[in-house]
Protein backbone atom coordinates (compact mmCIF):
# COMPACT_ATOMS: atom_id res chain seq x y z
CA MET A 1 0.00 0.00 0.00
CA VAL A 2 1.35 3.40 -1.00
CA THR A 3 -0.19 6.69 0.11
CA ASP A 4 -0.65 9.31 -2.62
CA THR A 5 0.92 12.17 -0.64
CA GLY A 6 4.13 14.19 -0.60
CA GLN A 7 6.86 13.05 -2.95
CA ILE A 8 4.79 10.09 -4.17
CA ALA A 9 2.00 12.48 -5.17
CA GLN A 10 4.51 14.66 -7.02
CA ALA A 11 5.95 11.65 -8.83
CA LEU A 12 2.45 10.48 -9.78
CA ASP A 13 1.63 14.00 -11.04
CA VAL A 14 4.64 13.86 -13.36
CA ALA A 15 3.78 10.33 -14.47
CA HIS A 16 0.14 11.26 -15.08
CA ALA A 17 1.23 14.16 -17.27
CA LEU A 18 3.29 11.72 -19.37
CA TRP A 19 0.67 8.95 -19.42
CA PRO A 20 -2.74 10.64 -19.03
CA ASP A 21 -4.53 7.52 -20.30
CA VAL A 22 -3.28 5.46 -17.33
CA PRO A 23 -5.54 5.79 -14.29
CA ARG A 24 -3.92 7.26 -11.22
CA GLY A 25 -3.23 4.44 -8.78
CA ALA A 26 -1.53 1.07 -8.95
CA ALA A 27 -1.27 1.00 -12.75
CA LEU A 28 0.34 4.43 -12.91
CA LEU A 29 2.68 3.61 -10.04
CA ALA A 30 3.71 0.39 -11.81
CA ARG A 31 4.40 2.31 -15.04
CA LEU A 32 6.43 4.87 -13.08
CA ALA A 33 8.43 2.15 -11.31
CA THR A 34 9.18 0.40 -14.60
CA ALA A 35 10.31 3.65 -16.24
CA GLY A 36 12.44 4.47 -13.21
CA ALA A 37 14.12 1.06 -13.30
CA GLN A 38 14.86 1.46 -17.01
CA ALA A 39 16.33 4.92 -16.42
CA LEU A 40 18.51 3.62 -13.60
CA GLY A 41 19.72 0.78 -15.82
CA GLN A 42 20.58 3.20 -18.62
CA ASP A 43 22.37 5.46 -16.15
CA ALA A 44 24.42 2.53 -14.86
CA GLN A 45 25.34 1.57 -18.42
CA ALA A 46 26.40 5.15 -19.17
CA ARG A 47 28.57 5.27 -16.04
CA GLN A 48 30.19 1.95 -16.96
CA ALA A 49 30.86 3.20 -20.49
CA ALA A 50 32.53 6.31 -19.04
CA VAL A 51 34.70 4.17 -16.77
CA ASP A 52 35.58 1.89 -19.67
CA ALA A 53 36.59 4.93 -21.73
CA LEU A 54 38.86 6.11 -18.93
CA VAL A 55 40.65 2.78 -18.88
CA ASP A 56 42.20 3.77 -22.20
CA PHE A 57 44.11 6.53 -20.40
CA GLY A 58 46.30 3.87 -18.78
CA ASP A 59 49.09 4.64 -21.26
CA ALA A 60 49.23 8.22 -19.98
CA TYR A 61 50.17 7.10 -16.45
CA SER A 62 52.65 4.65 -15.01
CA PRO A 63 51.30 1.14 -14.39
CA GLU A 64 51.97 1.58 -10.66
CA TYR A 65 49.91 4.74 -10.50
CA VAL A 66 47.02 3.16 -12.41
CA SER A 67 47.13 0.12 -10.12
CA ARG A 68 46.98 2.32 -7.00
CA MET A 69 44.08 4.30 -8.40
CA ARG A 70 42.13 1.14 -9.27
CA GLU A 71 42.54 -0.10 -5.70
CA GLU A 72 40.59 2.97 -4.54
CA TRP A 73 37.64 2.34 -6.89
CA PRO A 74 34.46 1.09 -5.29
CA GLN A 75 33.69 -2.54 -5.97
C-alpha cells in the first residue's frame, strides 16, 4: 500500500502528465516504477561506459599509478 501524498504524489503527477490515459493508482505507479528502473539501468550503463573509456588513459600514467588508483575504486 502506497499513500498518494508528498513526494509520491509529485511523482504520480509527473507520471500522469506523461501517461494521461493510465488511471492514477496502482497501474500508474507500476508504469512509473518500470520507467524508473529502465532509467537507472541506462544510467548505470552510461557510467560503466565512461569508466571503460577512462581505462584507455592507462598509457598516460605509469602502471603503478594506475594500479593504486584502481585499488581505490568502489567494488
